[in-house]
Amino acid sequence: MLVKRINLIITTFTIMLILSALIDNVVIAGGITFLIIIIGYIFIANKRSRKRLNLLKKYCDPYKFLKATEEQQKITGKNPKINAYLNIDKSVAFILMGNFQQAKEVLLSIDKSYLSNKNGTLLLYTINLISCLYELGELSDAEELFETQIPILAPVNKRMNLAVNLLIAERFFFLNRYKESKEKFEEILSNEKLDKCTRLSILYTLAQIDKQNGDLISARNKYKEILDNGNKLYIAVKSKEYLMQT
């Protein structure tokens, strides 16, 4: 942290000196320096964020994602709004590790006043909490939250719309409405461009539905694909357990 701040100061001072030498106006040189530093900061922050998210989307490693998120909290976590957003990310890591109670606790610790429906953070928070409640068997609480909050939290972009559709399909599954769940998940698979982690999560639920329907060959094929590609995801561990038992 200290080294990064020193490097930032040195970089800013260097740019300022160069521009001051080229431009015979200190105010203009200072303004350009400020603009360059801000643009550079945004570029680096976005690059770091994409790299962190790819630990889940591409490499299916919630443990490294959690560690990277906690490291990011050390850097920007003093801002309460950013810290709230990063805690939502932490809940995602715990969910994908299968630690649903821990994910729920992290979510409930978040001050929701820092979340907003305008940028989708409140919707994402609510979706994650509902998912935890379903996984923990707290169906009545999950249903109450779904019925009272999801209708009033409009998706702000395509990514949020996908998250809502995934929740709807997941809800059907936990309510034992397997036919509707399967249809919804298959619709998502055919119509959406999905990252690896999301696709494998869908296949896991479809494998469970196949098992319920007695289609064990189809279920086994899906579990095999999840195991082969799921790396350290909880669903990869559960798929391995199933395959070893059959």
Protein backbone atom coordinates (compact mmCIF):
# COMPACT_ATOMS: atom_id res chain seq x y z
CA MET A 1 0.00 0.00 0.00
CA LEU A 2 2.71 2.49 1.02
CA VAL A 3 4.89 1.53 -1.96
CA LYS A 4 1.95 2.04 -4.33
CA ARG A 5 1.24 5.48 -2.88
CA ILE A 6 4.90 6.49 -3.20
CA ASN A 7 4.94 5.26 -6.81
CA LEU A 8 1.78 7.26 -7.53
CA ILE A 9 3.31 10.42 -6.07
CA ILE A 10 6.54 9.92 -8.05
CA THR A 11 4.58 9.27 -11.26
CA THR A 12 2.40 12.33 -10.75
CA PHE A 13 5.41 14.54 -9.97
CA THR A 14 7.30 13.23 -13.03
CA ILE A 15 4.38 13.84 -15.40
CA MET A 16 3.90 17.30 -13.93
CA LEU A 17 7.59 18.18 -14.47
CA ILE A 18 7.57 16.96 -18.08
CA LEU A 19 4.37 18.81 -18.95
CA SER A 20 5.55 21.97 -17.19
CA ALA A 21 8.66 21.90 -19.36
CA LEU A 22 6.60 21.41 -22.53
CA ILE A 23 3.75 23.77 -21.67
CA ASP A 24 4.47 27.28 -20.46
CA ASN A 25 1.44 27.24 -18.15
CA VAL A 26 1.51 25.54 -14.74
CA VAL A 27 -2.28 25.49 -14.39
CA ILE A 28 -2.82 23.76 -17.73
CA ALA A 29 0.04 21.33 -17.00
CA GLY A 30 -1.52 20.52 -13.63
CA GLY A 31 -4.94 19.94 -15.18
CA ILE A 32 -3.55 17.60 -17.82
CA THR A 33 -1.54 15.75 -15.17
CA PHE A 34 -4.66 15.28 -13.06
CA LEU A 35 -6.62 14.00 -16.07
CA ILE A 36 -3.86 11.53 -17.02
CA ILE A 37 -3.65 10.17 -13.46
CA ILE A 38 -7.46 9.76 -13.20
CA ILE A 39 -7.69 7.98 -16.57
CA GLY A 40 -4.77 5.75 -15.64
CA TYR A 41 -6.31 4.91 -12.27
CA ILE A 42 -9.63 3.98 -13.88
CA PHE A 43 -7.88 1.82 -16.48
CA ILE A 44 -5.83 -0.03 -13.86
CA ALA A 45 -8.85 -0.47 -11.56
CA ASN A 46 -10.96 -1.93 -14.40
CA LYS A 47 -8.14 -4.24 -15.44
CA ARG A 48 -7.69 -5.44 -11.86
CA SER A 49 -11.44 -5.99 -11.51
CA ARG A 50 -11.65 -8.06 -14.73
CA LYS A 51 -8.69 -10.15 -13.63
CA ARG A 52 -10.31 -10.78 -10.24
CA LEU A 53 -13.69 -11.70 -11.73
CA ASN A 54 -12.04 -14.08 -14.22
CA LEU A 55 -10.87 -16.15 -11.26
CA LEU A 56 -14.53 -17.21 -11.07
CA LYS A 57 -15.84 -16.83 -14.59
CA LYS A 58 -12.90 -18.41 -16.39
CA TYR A 59 -10.93 -20.40 -13.82
CA CYS A 60 -13.73 -21.46 -11.45
CA ASP A 61 -11.65 -20.81 -8.34
CA PRO A 62 -13.75 -19.21 -5.58
CA TYR A 63 -10.87 -19.51 -3.09
CA LYS A 64 -8.51 -17.33 -5.14
CA PHE A 65 -11.43 -15.01 -5.90
CA LEU A 66 -12.11 -14.61 -2.18
CA LYS A 67 -8.46 -13.90 -1.47
CA ALA A 68 -8.27 -11.34 -4.29
CA THR A 69 -11.47 -9.68 -3.04
CA GLU A 70 -10.08 -9.43 0.49
CA GLU A 71 -6.88 -7.91 -0.93
CA GLN A 72 -8.98 -5.39 -2.84
CA GLN A 73 -10.80 -4.52 0.39
CA LYS A 74 -7.45 -3.61 1.94
CA ILE A 75 -6.89 -1.17 -0.92
CA THR A 76 -10.33 0.41 -1.39
CA GLY A 77 -12.37 -1.01 1.51
CA LYS A 78 -12.16 2.17 3.56
CA ASN A 79 -14.85 3.55 1.28
CA PRO A 80 -18.04 2.10 2.86
CA LYS A 81 -19.90 1.89 -0.45
CA ILE A 82 -17.08 0.03 -2.22
CA ASN A 83 -16.67 -2.20 0.83
CA ALA A 84 -20.36 -3.11 0.64
CA TYR A 85 -19.97 -4.03 -3.03
CA LEU A 86 -16.92 -6.16 -2.27
CA ASN A 87 -18.79 -7.95 0.50
CA ILE A 88 -21.40 -8.95 -2.08
CA ASP A 89 -18.53 -10.44 -4.09
CA LYS A 90 -17.35 -12.28 -0.96
CA SER A 91 -20.82 -13.78 -0.56
CA VAL A 92 -20.60 -15.08 -4.13
CA ALA A 93 -17.28 -16.76 -3.30
CA PHE A 94 -18.75 -18.45 -0.24
CA ILE A 95 -21.82 -19.59 -2.21
CA LEU A 96 -19.60 -21.19 -4.86
CA MET A 97 -17.58 -22.85 -2.08
CA GLY A 98 -20.82 -24.29 -0.70
CA ASN A 99 -20.54 -22.20 2.50
CA PHE A 100 -24.10 -20.91 2.35
CA GLN A 101 -24.40 -19.98 6.04
CA GLN A 102 -21.21 -17.92 5.86
CA ALA A 103 -22.43 -16.25 2.67
CA LYS A 104 -25.70 -15.37 4.40
CA GLU A 105 -23.87 -13.88 7.38
CA VAL A 106 -21.71 -11.71 5.12
CA LEU A 107 -24.78 -10.45 3.27
CA LEU A 108 -26.68 -9.67 6.46
CA SER A 109 -23.67 -7.69 7.73
CA ILE A 110 -23.89 -5.29 4.78
CA ASP A 111 -25.38 -1.85 5.37
CA LYS A 112 -27.99 -1.76 2.59
CA SER A 113 -28.05 2.03 2.60
CA TYR A 114 -24.89 1.84 0.47
CA LEU A 115 -26.65 -0.28 -2.15
CA SER A 116 -28.82 1.01 -4.95
CA ASN A 117 -31.36 -0.28 -7.41
CA LYS A 118 -30.02 2.19 -9.98
CA ASN A 119 -26.74 0.31 -10.39
CA GLY A 120 -28.08 -3.18 -9.65
CA THR A 121 -26.23 -3.72 -6.37
CA LEU A 122 -29.41 -3.99 -4.30
CA LEU A 123 -30.87 -6.50 -6.74
CA LEU A 124 -27.68 -8.58 -6.74
CA TYR A 125 -27.59 -8.50 -2.93
CA THR A 126 -31.20 -9.70 -2.78
CA ILE A 127 -30.67 -12.46 -5.35
CA ASN A 128 -27.66 -13.79 -3.44
CA LEU A 129 -29.51 -13.73 -0.13
CA ILE A 130 -32.51 -15.55 -1.61
CA SER A 131 -30.19 -18.19 -3.06
CA CYS A 132 -28.58 -18.72 0.35
CA LEU A 133 -31.98 -19.09 2.00
CA TYR A 134 -33.09 -21.67 -0.57
CA GLU A 135 -29.86 -23.65 -0.16
CA LEU A 136 -30.18 -23.57 3.64
CA GLY A 137 -33.74 -24.89 3.46
CA GLU A 138 -35.27 -21.64 4.70
CA LEU A 139 -37.92 -21.74 1.98
CA SER A 140 -40.56 -19.54 3.62
CA ASP A 141 -38.05 -16.73 4.17
CA ALA A 142 -36.73 -17.12 0.64
CA GLU A 143 -40.23 -17.03 -0.81
CA GLU A 144 -41.20 -13.96 1.19
CA LEU A 145 -38.11 -12.11 0.00
CA PHE A 146 -38.64 -13.23 -3.59
CA GLU A 147 -42.30 -12.22 -3.69
CA THR A 148 -41.85 -8.85 -1.97
CA GLN A 149 -38.53 -7.64 -3.38
CA ILE A 150 -37.86 -9.12 -6.83
CA PRO A 151 -40.96 -7.52 -8.44
CA ILE A 152 -39.85 -4.03 -7.34
CA LEU A 153 -36.12 -4.37 -8.13
CA ALA A 154 -35.92 -3.94 -11.88
CA PRO A 155 -32.83 -5.29 -13.70
CA VAL A 156 -30.69 -2.40 -14.93
CA ASN A 157 -28.83 -4.27 -17.68
CA LYS A 158 -28.60 -7.59 -19.53
CA ARG A 159 -26.35 -9.10 -16.86
CA MET A 160 -28.86 -8.32 -14.12
CA ASN A 161 -31.70 -9.65 -16.26
CA LEU A 162 -29.79 -12.93 -16.61
CA ALA A 163 -29.30 -13.05 -12.83
CA VAL A 164 -33.07 -12.70 -12.30
CA ASN A 165 -33.83 -15.45 -14.82
CA LEU A 166 -31.31 -17.76 -13.14
CA LEU A 167 -32.97 -17.08 -9.79
CA ILE A 168 -36.40 -17.88 -11.22
CA ALA A 169 -35.13 -21.20 -12.60
CA GLU A 170 -33.42 -21.94 -9.28
CA ARG A 171 -36.62 -21.10 -7.39
CA PHE A 172 -38.61 -23.57 -9.48
CA PHE A 173 -36.08 -26.27 -8.56
CA PHE A 174 -36.29 -25.66 -4.81
CA LEU A 175 -40.08 -25.64 -5.01
CA ASN A 176 -39.87 -29.09 -6.68
CA ARG A 177 -41.25 -27.67 -9.92
CA TYR A 178 -38.64 -29.60 -11.88
CA LYS A 179 -40.26 -29.41 -15.32
CA GLU A 180 -40.46 -25.61 -15.17
CA SER A 181 -36.94 -25.36 -13.75
CA LYS A 182 -35.50 -27.52 -16.52
CA GLU A 183 -37.31 -25.56 -19.23
CA LYS A 184 -36.10 -22.24 -17.82
CA PHE A 185 -32.50 -23.38 -17.46
CA GLU A 186 -32.44 -24.90 -20.96
CA GLU A 187 -33.88 -21.66 -22.36
CA ILE A 188 -31.05 -19.73 -20.69
CA LEU A 189 -28.44 -22.17 -22.02
CA SER A 190 -29.71 -21.81 -25.57
CA ASN A 191 -30.24 -18.03 -25.60
CA GLU A 192 -27.47 -16.56 -23.44
CA LYS A 193 -23.71 -16.26 -23.77
CA LEU A 194 -22.55 -17.65 -20.43
CA ASP A 195 -19.22 -17.76 -18.65
CA LYS A 196 -17.89 -21.18 -17.68
CA CYS A 197 -18.83 -20.92 -14.00
CA THR A 198 -22.46 -19.98 -14.70
CA ARG A 199 -22.85 -22.69 -17.34
CA LEU A 200 -21.51 -25.39 -15.02
CA SER A 201 -23.82 -24.21 -12.23
CA ILE A 202 -26.79 -24.63 -14.55
CA LEU A 203 -25.61 -28.09 -15.60
CA TYR A 204 -25.36 -29.10 -11.94
CA THR A 205 -29.01 -28.29 -11.28
CA LEU A 206 -30.05 -29.98 -14.52
CA ALA A 207 -28.08 -33.07 -13.44
CA GLN A 208 -30.00 -33.09 -10.18
CA ILE A 209 -33.26 -32.87 -12.11
CA ASP A 210 -32.14 -35.72 -14.39
CA LYS A 211 -31.43 -37.80 -11.30
CA GLN A 212 -34.87 -37.01 -9.90
CA ASN A 213 -36.43 -38.05 -13.22
CA GLY A 214 -34.46 -41.30 -13.30
CA ASP A 215 -32.35 -40.27 -16.30
CA LEU A 216 -29.11 -41.41 -14.69
CA ILE A 217 -27.01 -41.53 -17.87
CA SER A 218 -27.75 -37.89 -18.66
CA ALA A 219 -27.12 -36.94 -15.05
CA ARG A 220 -23.79 -38.77 -15.02
CA ASN A 221 -22.66 -37.07 -18.23
CA LYS A 222 -23.38 -33.67 -16.75
CA TYR A 223 -21.63 -34.48 -13.48
CA LYS A 224 -18.62 -35.67 -15.47
CA GLU A 225 -18.45 -32.39 -17.40
CA ILE A 226 -18.71 -30.40 -14.17
CA LEU A 227 -15.94 -32.43 -12.54
CA ASP A 228 -13.67 -32.05 -15.57
CA ASN A 229 -14.12 -28.29 -15.82
CA GLY A 230 -15.26 -27.05 -12.41
CA ASN A 231 -11.83 -26.82 -10.77
CA LYS A 232 -12.43 -25.83 -7.10
CA LEU A 233 -16.15 -25.14 -7.29
CA TYR A 234 -18.32 -26.79 -4.64
CA ILE A 235 -20.41 -28.37 -7.40
CA ALA A 236 -17.29 -30.05 -8.79
CA VAL A 237 -16.64 -31.64 -5.39
CA LYS A 238 -20.26 -32.83 -5.15
CA SER A 239 -20.12 -34.15 -8.73
CA LYS A 240 -17.03 -36.18 -7.88
CA GLU A 241 -18.79 -37.64 -4.84
CA TYR A 242 -21.75 -38.68 -6.97
CA LEU A 243 -19.59 -40.25 -9.69
CA MET A 244 -17.59 -42.23 -7.13
CA GLN A 245 -20.80 -43.62 -5.65
CA THR A 246 -22.29 -44.77 -8.97
